[in-house]
Protein backbone atom coordinates (compact mmCIF):
# COMPACT_ATOMS: atom_id res chain seq x y z
CA MET A 1 -57.74 12.62 -23.03
CA THR A 2 -54.00 12.16 -23.75
CA ALA A 3 -52.50 15.34 -25.69
CA THR A 4 -48.91 15.11 -27.13
CA GLU A 5 -46.05 17.76 -27.17
CA GLU A 6 -42.79 17.45 -29.38
CA GLY A 7 -39.64 19.36 -28.56
CA ALA A 8 -36.18 19.10 -27.17
CA ALA A 9 -35.69 18.17 -23.53
CA ALA A 10 -34.14 21.02 -21.70
CA TYR A 11 -33.50 19.69 -18.13
CA GLN A 12 -35.02 17.19 -15.79
CA PRO A 13 -35.23 18.03 -12.15
CA HIS A 14 -36.44 15.80 -9.68
CA LYS A 15 -39.88 14.24 -10.75
CA THR A 16 -40.08 16.73 -13.66
CA LEU A 17 -39.31 16.88 -17.29
CA VAL A 18 -38.64 20.52 -18.92
CA VAL A 19 -39.22 20.45 -22.67
CA LEU A 20 -38.93 23.23 -25.25
CA GLU A 21 -41.83 22.78 -27.07
CA ASP A 22 -41.58 22.89 -31.19
CA ARG A 23 -44.95 25.07 -31.11
CA SER A 24 -44.05 27.41 -28.37
CA ASN A 25 -41.21 29.99 -27.28
CA THR A 26 -41.72 28.84 -23.50
CA PRO A 27 -40.58 25.53 -22.02
CA GLY A 28 -43.40 23.05 -20.87
CA HIS A 29 -43.05 21.59 -17.57
CA TYR A 30 -44.40 17.78 -16.99
CA VAL A 31 -44.69 15.81 -13.89
CA LEU A 32 -43.17 12.43 -13.82
CA ASN A 33 -44.87 9.99 -11.40
CA GLY A 34 -42.96 7.12 -10.84
CA PRO A 35 -40.74 4.96 -12.96
CA GLY A 36 -41.65 3.39 -16.14
CA HIS A 37 -42.88 6.32 -18.03
CA VAL A 38 -39.79 7.11 -20.43
CA VAL A 39 -39.03 4.74 -23.47
CA ASP A 40 -36.95 4.74 -26.27
CA LYS A 41 -38.73 4.27 -29.88
CA HIS A 42 -38.81 0.39 -29.24
CA GLY A 43 -40.80 0.71 -26.03
CA ASP A 44 -37.74 -0.24 -23.95
CA VAL A 45 -37.75 1.45 -20.53
CA ILE A 46 -35.12 4.29 -19.91
CA THR A 47 -33.59 4.53 -16.20
CA THR A 48 -31.38 7.36 -16.92
CA ALA A 49 -32.07 11.00 -16.91
CA ILE A 50 -32.83 12.26 -20.52
CA LYS A 51 -29.95 14.58 -21.77
CA PRO A 52 -30.51 18.44 -22.60
CA GLY A 53 -31.26 18.64 -26.38
CA THR A 54 -32.71 15.15 -26.87
CA ARG A 55 -35.88 14.87 -29.04
CA VAL A 56 -38.92 13.86 -27.19
CA ARG A 57 -42.60 13.31 -27.70
CA VAL A 58 -44.50 13.83 -24.32
CA TYR A 59 -47.86 12.26 -24.01
CA TYR A 60 -49.68 13.89 -21.13
CA LEU A 61 -52.71 14.30 -19.13
CA ASN A 62 -53.99 17.73 -17.98
CA THR A 63 -55.00 17.56 -14.26
CA GLY A 64 -55.60 20.93 -12.69
CA ASN A 65 -52.75 23.35 -13.35
CA ALA A 66 -50.30 20.34 -14.09
CA ARG A 67 -49.54 18.14 -16.83
CA VAL A 68 -48.93 14.76 -15.71
CA VAL A 69 -46.98 12.59 -18.19
CA ASP A 70 -48.46 9.39 -19.04
CA HIS A 71 -45.30 8.33 -21.11
CA VAL A 72 -42.41 10.09 -22.92
CA VAL A 73 -40.72 8.33 -26.00
CA VAL A 74 -37.25 9.58 -26.75
CA GLU A 75 -36.19 9.69 -30.23
C-alpha cells in the first residue's frame, strides 16, 4: 500500500530524498531507485535535483526499514 507525506525538500544526496515533513519535526529519508520517479504537477518528468525548500508530495512504500519512493510530485 502506498503512503504519502508532504513537506519541503531539505537536500538530495545520491539516490535519496530528504524531506522536512509537515507532520513531524524530524526529516524523512526516502530511497530513489532509478529515473522517472520525480514529476511536476502536470506529470512531466523532472531530471534535475530538487532544490532545498521546494514543496513536494512523496508517494512511497515501506519496505523493511526503508521508505522506497514510488513517485514524487514537485509543486
